[in-house]
Amino acid sequence: MKKLLLALPALALLLTACPAEKPTDQPADAANAPATNARKAPAFSADSAYALTARQVAFGPRVPSRPAHVACGNYLVATLKRYGLKVMEQPFEAKTFDGHTIQGRNIIAQFQPEAARRVAVFAHWDTRPFADQDKLRKNAPMDGASDGASAVATALEIARTLSQQPAAARPGVGVDIFLLDAEDWGYEQGTQSELKNEVGETSERSSWCLGSQYWAAHLVPAGYRAEYGILLDMVGAKDGRFTREGTSRQNALAVVDKIWSTAAKIGYSDYFLYRDTDPITDDHVFTTRAGVPTVDIYDHPPYGTEPFPAYHHTTADNLSIIDRKTMKAVGQTVLQVLYDE
């Protein structure tokens, strides 16, 4: 997950009015707010989600163009097909900030492709090629257990759960799973100042989120539209907490409110905090630009001024930090949001 504070120039003025780290009280009626067409969602299996996380990590670091990345991508495609979803692949070539030309692959899977109303669930499946935030091993590879694998596993488990429901017990919307590639090979000024950013950061492009930028410019399916999107990123760590990120509030406030009130209603307000925090650059910037207003659910420390948890972009992001309870809170909340439609 790219966790540099949002620096795209054309968006900067638009977002400077967003409050930074502004605590807000939970609405008094959040737990009792009625849901339209609400039906109880099926249970999200945290054990299955954990196993799906571990399976990805077992391939090794999923760095674009490397063998482990190719093998993991093939596994993700096969898994989604096994669940009975309609699966499409979008290969692309991209240039990284440090001059590499990489082969990426976005993976798109549709549940109930015939449904007119649609909701998108996004996650990135690649890992950063170096643990540049690690104080001791800056150039070491990283597992990306929370940053990448846990989000993909949550999306996969949502897809598996939906596919097991009889027709009468399915949500009233189609659900599209987008596993985006090459999100995490971007330039970080604080740790890579000795390197030149050959891609640059402008209003039109970023060295981060290469797969979502490509998808936004070449929509698959062609002309794709959804009512909204939910981006999952870093959703599996112990003590994970999720705040109301600035770009999400700017572009999809009603969806932010929907997700956070749903979490409160089903007992996960300890995870989904009613706290407004700064905008970041993540895949939701580009999926929103493509016409799908998207909310970013990512692990944000509940206290202090740090925007990202201590394991972020370090070798500590391995299976030892993954917690089934966190994955359950996110997966069950997203499932219930889908069933409330």
Protein backbone atom coordinates (compact mmCIF):
# COMPACT_ATOMS: atom_id res chain seq x y z
CA MET A 1 0.00 0.00 0.00
CA LYS A 2 1.32 3.40 -0.92
CA LYS A 3 1.07 5.50 2.13
CA LEU A 4 2.53 8.84 1.16
CA LEU A 5 0.26 11.75 2.01
CA LEU A 6 -1.60 12.92 -1.06
CA ALA A 7 0.62 15.14 -3.18
CA LEU A 8 -0.99 15.29 -6.59
CA PRO A 9 -0.88 19.04 -7.34
CA ALA A 10 -4.28 19.43 -9.01
CA LEU A 11 -5.96 17.76 -6.07
CA ALA A 12 -4.00 19.54 -3.38
CA LEU A 13 -6.06 22.73 -3.31
CA LEU A 14 -9.26 20.73 -3.37
CA LEU A 15 -8.24 18.69 -0.35
CA THR A 16 -6.49 21.21 1.88
CA ALA A 17 -9.79 22.04 3.53
CA CYS A 18 -10.13 18.46 4.79
CA PRO A 19 -9.56 18.36 8.56
CA ALA A 20 -6.38 16.64 9.67
CA GLU A 21 -6.74 14.02 12.40
CA LYS A 22 -10.06 15.52 13.48
CA PRO A 23 -11.82 13.37 16.05
CA THR A 24 -15.57 13.15 15.70
CA ASP A 25 -18.16 11.64 17.99
CA GLN A 26 -20.01 8.55 16.87
CA PRO A 27 -23.53 9.55 15.86
CA ALA A 28 -25.92 8.72 18.70
CA ASP A 29 -28.24 6.89 16.34
CA ALA A 30 -25.57 4.92 14.47
CA ALA A 31 -26.40 1.66 16.16
CA ASN A 32 -30.13 2.08 15.59
CA ALA A 33 -30.24 3.64 12.14
CA PRO A 34 -32.59 1.74 9.85
CA ALA A 35 -31.09 0.17 6.74
CA THR A 36 -32.94 0.21 3.45
CA ASN A 37 -33.86 -3.29 2.22
CA ALA A 38 -31.67 -4.66 5.00
CA ARG A 39 -31.08 -8.40 5.14
CA LYS A 40 -28.65 -10.15 7.41
CA ALA A 41 -25.51 -11.06 5.48
CA PRO A 42 -24.09 -14.59 5.64
CA ALA A 43 -21.17 -15.17 7.97
CA PHE A 44 -17.71 -14.14 6.81
CA SER A 45 -15.19 -16.86 7.66
CA ALA A 46 -12.10 -15.37 9.29
CA ASP A 47 -10.39 -18.78 9.23
CA SER A 48 -10.82 -19.01 5.48
CA ALA A 49 -9.62 -15.43 5.01
CA TYR A 50 -6.54 -16.16 7.09
CA ALA A 51 -5.78 -19.26 5.00
CA LEU A 52 -6.14 -17.22 1.80
CA THR A 53 -3.70 -14.66 3.22
CA ALA A 54 -1.19 -17.36 4.12
CA ARG A 55 -1.50 -18.94 0.68
CA GLN A 56 -0.47 -15.70 -1.01
CA VAL A 57 2.42 -15.11 1.37
CA ALA A 58 3.65 -18.65 0.67
CA PHE A 59 4.44 -17.65 -2.91
CA GLY A 60 7.00 -15.17 -1.59
CA PRO A 61 7.10 -11.43 -2.32
CA ARG A 62 4.69 -10.69 -5.20
CA VAL A 63 6.89 -8.17 -6.99
CA PRO A 64 5.70 -7.50 -10.56
CA SER A 65 7.47 -9.43 -13.33
CA ARG A 66 9.07 -11.91 -10.94
CA PRO A 67 8.18 -15.63 -10.87
CA ALA A 68 6.38 -15.53 -7.50
CA HIS A 69 4.20 -12.71 -8.79
CA VAL A 70 3.25 -14.61 -11.94
CA ALA A 71 2.49 -17.78 -9.97
CA CYS A 72 0.36 -15.94 -7.42
CA GLY A 73 -1.57 -14.16 -10.17
CA ASN A 74 -2.34 -17.49 -11.81
CA TYR A 75 -3.56 -18.81 -8.44
CA LEU A 76 -5.84 -15.79 -7.93
CA VAL A 77 -7.38 -16.21 -11.38
CA ALA A 78 -7.94 -19.93 -10.85
CA THR A 79 -9.45 -19.35 -7.40
CA LEU A 80 -11.97 -16.79 -8.63
CA LYS A 81 -12.94 -19.08 -11.51
CA ARG A 82 -13.39 -21.93 -9.06
CA TYR A 83 -15.85 -19.74 -7.15
CA GLY A 84 -17.88 -19.44 -10.33
CA LEU A 85 -17.25 -15.76 -11.06
CA LYS A 86 -16.76 -14.36 -14.53
CA VAL A 87 -13.04 -13.58 -14.68
CA MET A 88 -11.13 -11.21 -16.96
CA GLU A 89 -7.43 -10.37 -17.04
CA GLN A 90 -5.95 -7.03 -18.06
CA PRO A 91 -2.21 -7.27 -18.76
CA PHE A 92 -0.26 -4.03 -19.00
CA GLU A 93 3.26 -2.68 -19.14
CA ALA A 94 4.40 0.15 -16.90
CA LYS A 95 7.53 2.08 -15.99
CA THR A 96 8.52 2.36 -12.33
CA PHE A 97 10.04 5.43 -10.70
CA ASP A 98 13.49 3.78 -10.68
CA GLY A 99 13.49 2.94 -14.38
CA HIS A 100 12.22 -0.64 -14.47
CA THR A 101 9.74 -1.72 -17.11
CA ILE A 102 7.36 -4.18 -15.50
CA GLN A 103 4.63 -6.50 -16.70
CA GLY A 104 1.51 -6.07 -14.62
CA ARG A 105 -1.87 -7.77 -14.57
CA ASN A 106 -5.18 -6.48 -13.23
CA ILE A 107 -7.63 -9.28 -12.40
CA ILE A 108 -11.36 -8.56 -12.61
CA ALA A 109 -14.09 -10.96 -11.45
CA GLN A 110 -17.85 -10.41 -11.61
CA PHE A 111 -20.51 -11.89 -9.36
CA GLN A 112 -24.02 -11.66 -10.82
CA PRO A 113 -22.72 -10.01 -14.01
CA GLU A 114 -26.27 -9.63 -15.29
CA ALA A 115 -27.29 -7.26 -12.45
CA ALA A 116 -27.83 -3.63 -13.46
CA ARG A 117 -26.81 -2.18 -10.09
CA ARG A 118 -23.17 -2.83 -9.22
CA VAL A 119 -20.71 -2.30 -6.39
CA ALA A 120 -16.95 -2.61 -6.83
CA VAL A 121 -14.50 -4.07 -4.30
CA PHE A 122 -10.88 -3.16 -4.97
CA ALA A 123 -7.59 -4.46 -3.53
CA HIS A 124 -3.97 -4.57 -4.73
CA TRP A 125 -2.21 -7.91 -4.96
CA ASP A 126 1.43 -6.90 -5.47
CA THR A 127 4.06 -6.26 -2.80
CA ARG A 128 6.57 -3.45 -2.52
CA PRO A 129 9.96 -4.68 -3.79
CA PHE A 130 11.90 -3.28 -0.83
CA ALA A 131 11.18 -2.70 2.86
CA ASP A 132 12.38 0.89 2.70
CA GLN A 133 10.77 1.88 6.03
CA ASP A 134 12.68 -0.85 7.85
CA LYS A 135 15.34 0.65 10.12
CA LEU A 136 17.71 -2.30 9.74
CA ARG A 137 16.93 -3.89 6.35
CA LYS A 138 15.92 -1.08 4.01
CA ASN A 139 16.47 -3.08 0.81
CA ALA A 140 15.15 -6.42 2.04
CA PRO A 141 12.13 -8.03 0.38
CA MET A 142 8.87 -8.02 2.32
CA ASP A 143 5.99 -10.45 2.65
CA GLY A 144 3.18 -7.91 2.44
CA ALA A 145 0.93 -10.03 4.65
CA SER A 146 -1.31 -7.15 5.69
CA ASP A 147 -0.31 -4.70 2.96
CA GLY A 148 -1.79 -6.51 0.01
CA ALA A 149 -2.43 -10.14 0.93
CA SER A 150 -4.99 -9.54 3.70
CA ALA A 151 -7.05 -7.24 1.48
CA VAL A 152 -7.01 -9.66 -1.44
CA ALA A 153 -7.92 -12.50 0.92
CA THR A 154 -10.86 -10.51 2.27
CA ALA A 155 -12.08 -9.81 -1.26
CA LEU A 156 -11.67 -13.49 -2.17
CA GLU A 157 -13.57 -14.63 0.91
CA ILE A 158 -16.38 -12.20 0.09
CA ALA A 159 -16.50 -13.70 -3.42
CA ARG A 160 -16.47 -17.26 -2.05
CA THR A 161 -19.23 -16.50 0.44
CA LEU A 162 -21.45 -14.86 -2.19
CA SER A 163 -20.93 -17.74 -4.61
CA GLN A 164 -22.23 -20.24 -2.04
CA GLN A 165 -25.58 -18.50 -1.56
CA PRO A 166 -28.73 -19.74 -3.31
CA ALA A 167 -30.32 -17.26 -5.70
CA ALA A 168 -32.94 -16.14 -3.18
CA ALA A 169 -30.28 -15.36 -0.57
CA ARG A 170 -27.99 -13.21 -2.70
CA PRO A 171 -27.60 -9.43 -2.44
CA GLY A 172 -29.63 -7.21 -4.76
CA VAL A 173 -26.53 -5.90 -6.53
CA GLY A 174 -23.81 -7.34 -8.71
CA VAL A 175 -20.37 -7.32 -7.09
CA ASP A 176 -17.17 -6.79 -9.03
CA ILE A 177 -13.82 -7.79 -7.52
CA PHE A 178 -10.84 -5.84 -8.88
CA LEU A 179 -7.39 -7.12 -7.90
CA LEU A 180 -5.15 -4.30 -9.03
CA ASP A 181 -1.46 -4.71 -9.70
CA ALA A 182 1.69 -2.58 -9.31
CA GLU A 183 0.26 -0.33 -6.60
CA ASP A 184 3.27 -0.40 -4.33
CA TRP A 185 6.33 0.29 -6.49
CA GLY A 186 6.35 4.05 -5.93
CA TYR A 187 8.77 6.78 -4.89
CA GLU A 188 8.98 7.68 -1.20
CA GLN A 189 10.84 10.94 -0.66
CA GLY A 190 11.57 10.21 3.00
CA THR A 191 13.43 6.95 2.37
CA GLN A 192 14.58 7.22 -1.25
CA SER A 193 15.81 10.79 -1.58
CA GLU A 194 19.05 9.54 -3.13
CA LEU A 195 17.08 8.19 -6.10
CA LYS A 196 15.49 10.04 -8.99
CA ASN A 197 11.77 9.69 -9.55
CA GLU A 198 11.61 9.06 -13.30
CA VAL A 199 7.81 8.97 -13.35
CA GLY A 200 7.09 12.05 -11.29
CA GLU A 201 4.00 13.12 -9.36
CA THR A 202 1.61 15.35 -11.29
CA SER A 203 -2.13 15.94 -11.50
CA GLU A 204 -2.32 13.25 -14.19
CA ARG A 205 0.05 10.55 -13.00
CA SER A 206 1.79 9.08 -10.00
CA SER A 207 4.67 6.64 -9.51
CA TRP A 208 2.25 4.73 -7.25
CA CYS A 209 -0.95 2.87 -8.16
CA LEU A 210 0.20 1.94 -11.66
CA GLY A 211 -2.45 -0.75 -12.14
CA SER A 212 -5.37 1.44 -11.11
CA GLN A 213 -4.10 4.25 -13.33
CA TYR A 214 -3.99 1.86 -16.26
CA TRP A 215 -7.45 0.50 -15.48
CA ALA A 216 -8.89 4.01 -15.19
CA ALA A 217 -7.58 4.81 -18.67
CA HIS A 218 -8.63 1.46 -20.18
CA LEU A 219 -11.77 0.32 -18.40
CA VAL A 220 -12.48 -3.40 -18.17
CA PRO A 221 -15.29 -4.22 -18.65
CA ALA A 222 -15.55 -1.53 -21.33
CA GLY A 223 -17.58 1.45 -20.15
CA TYR A 224 -17.66 0.07 -16.61
CA ARG A 225 -19.85 1.84 -14.06
CA ALA A 226 -20.70 1.08 -10.44
CA GLU A 227 -22.68 2.95 -7.84
CA TYR A 228 -19.61 3.07 -5.61
CA GLY A 229 -16.42 1.23 -4.74
CA ILE A 230 -14.77 -0.02 -1.56
CA LEU A 231 -10.97 -0.20 -1.56
CA LEU A 232 -9.46 -2.66 0.92
CA ASP A 233 -5.82 -2.12 1.89
CA MET A 234 -3.97 -3.29 4.99
CA VAL A 235 -7.02 -4.86 6.65
CA GLY A 236 -5.53 -7.85 8.47
CA ALA A 237 -3.21 -6.71 11.25
CA LYS A 238 -3.70 -7.17 14.98
CA ASP A 239 -5.19 -4.03 16.54
CA GLY A 240 -6.03 -2.71 13.06
CA ARG A 241 -8.15 0.44 13.11
CA PHE A 242 -9.89 2.23 10.25
CA THR A 243 -10.53 5.96 10.08
CA ARG A 244 -12.51 8.16 7.70
CA GLU A 245 -9.83 9.11 5.17
CA GLY A 246 -9.94 12.54 3.54
CA THR A 247 -10.23 11.69 -0.16
CA SER A 248 -12.95 9.16 0.64
CA ARG A 249 -14.93 11.81 2.49
CA GLN A 250 -14.36 14.34 -0.28
CA ASN A 251 -15.68 12.10 -3.05
CA ALA A 252 -17.93 9.51 -1.39
CA LEU A 253 -19.10 10.81 1.98
CA ALA A 254 -22.44 9.01 1.81
CA VAL A 255 -20.63 5.71 1.29
CA VAL A 256 -18.24 6.45 4.17
CA ASP A 257 -21.26 7.07 6.38
CA LYS A 258 -22.90 3.86 5.14
CA ILE A 259 -19.85 1.70 5.91
CA TRP A 260 -19.12 3.20 9.32
CA SER A 261 -22.75 3.12 10.47
CA THR A 262 -23.03 -0.50 9.31
CA ALA A 263 -19.91 -1.43 11.29
CA ALA A 264 -21.42 0.23 14.37
CA LYS A 265 -24.74 -1.57 13.95
CA ILE A 266 -23.17 -5.02 13.79
CA GLY A 267 -20.69 -4.49 16.60
CA TYR A 268 -17.45 -3.34 15.02
CA SER A 269 -17.23 0.29 16.11
CA ASP A 270 -14.00 -0.56 17.97
CA TYR A 271 -12.43 -1.13 14.55
CA PHE A 272 -14.19 1.53 12.44
CA LEU A 273 -13.45 4.74 14.32
CA TYR A 274 -15.48 7.91 13.85
CA ARG A 275 -12.31 9.88 13.27
CA ASP A 276 -11.54 12.03 10.23
CA THR A 277 -7.96 11.76 8.96
CA ASP A 278 -5.84 13.20 6.17
CA PRO A 279 -6.12 12.23 2.49
CA ILE A 280 -3.64 9.77 1.06
CA THR A 281 -2.72 8.63 -2.42
CA ASP A 282 -4.07 5.12 -2.93
CA ASP A 283 -5.92 3.29 -5.69
CA HIS A 284 -9.18 5.01 -4.74
CA VAL A 285 -7.89 8.30 -6.18
CA PHE A 286 -7.81 6.77 -9.66
CA THR A 287 -10.87 4.54 -9.44
CA THR A 288 -12.86 7.59 -8.36
CA ARG A 289 -11.43 9.52 -11.28
CA ALA A 290 -12.69 6.71 -13.53
CA GLY A 291 -16.24 7.33 -12.35
CA VAL A 292 -16.50 4.94 -9.38
CA PRO A 293 -16.59 7.00 -6.15
CA THR A 294 -14.48 4.88 -3.83
CA VAL A 295 -13.86 4.68 -0.09
CA ASP A 296 -10.47 3.56 1.21
CA ILE A 297 -10.48 1.22 4.21
CA TYR A 298 -6.91 1.04 5.46
CA ASP A 299 -5.15 0.54 8.79
CA HIS A 300 -4.54 3.91 10.46
CA PRO A 301 -3.01 4.21 13.95
CA PRO A 302 -5.79 5.36 16.30
CA TYR A 303 -3.53 7.70 18.28
CA GLY A 304 -0.63 10.02 17.57
CA THR A 305 0.32 11.72 14.33
CA GLU A 306 1.66 8.79 12.30
CA PRO A 307 -0.56 8.06 9.27
CA PHE A 308 0.55 4.43 8.96
CA PRO A 309 1.18 1.55 11.37
CA ALA A 310 4.69 0.58 12.43
CA TYR A 311 4.79 -2.52 10.20
CA HIS A 312 4.08 -0.48 7.05
CA HIS A 313 6.72 -1.16 4.37
CA THR A 314 8.95 -3.13 6.75
CA THR A 315 9.91 -6.78 7.12
CA ALA A 316 7.56 -6.93 10.13
CA ASP A 317 4.62 -7.12 7.71
CA ASN A 318 4.47 -10.90 7.83
CA LEU A 319 1.98 -13.56 8.93
CA SER A 320 2.85 -13.06 12.62
CA ILE A 321 0.87 -9.79 12.67
CA ILE A 322 -2.26 -11.12 10.94
CA ASP A 323 -5.33 -11.32 13.18
CA ARG A 324 -8.51 -13.14 12.23
CA LYS A 325 -10.57 -10.73 14.36
CA THR A 326 -9.54 -7.73 12.26
CA MET A 327 -10.29 -9.55 9.02
CA LYS A 328 -13.67 -10.62 10.41
CA ALA A 329 -14.57 -7.03 11.31
CA VAL A 330 -13.79 -5.77 7.81
CA GLY A 331 -15.17 -8.70 5.84
CA GLN A 332 -18.43 -8.93 7.78
CA THR A 333 -18.97 -5.18 7.54
CA VAL A 334 -18.45 -5.12 3.78
CA LEU A 335 -20.73 -8.13 3.29
CA GLN A 336 -23.45 -6.44 5.31
CA VAL A 337 -23.08 -3.24 3.29
CA LEU A 338 -23.66 -5.30 0.14
CA TYR A 339 -26.71 -7.00 1.62
CA ASP A 340 -28.17 -3.65 2.72
CA GLU A 341 -28.40 -2.55 -0.92
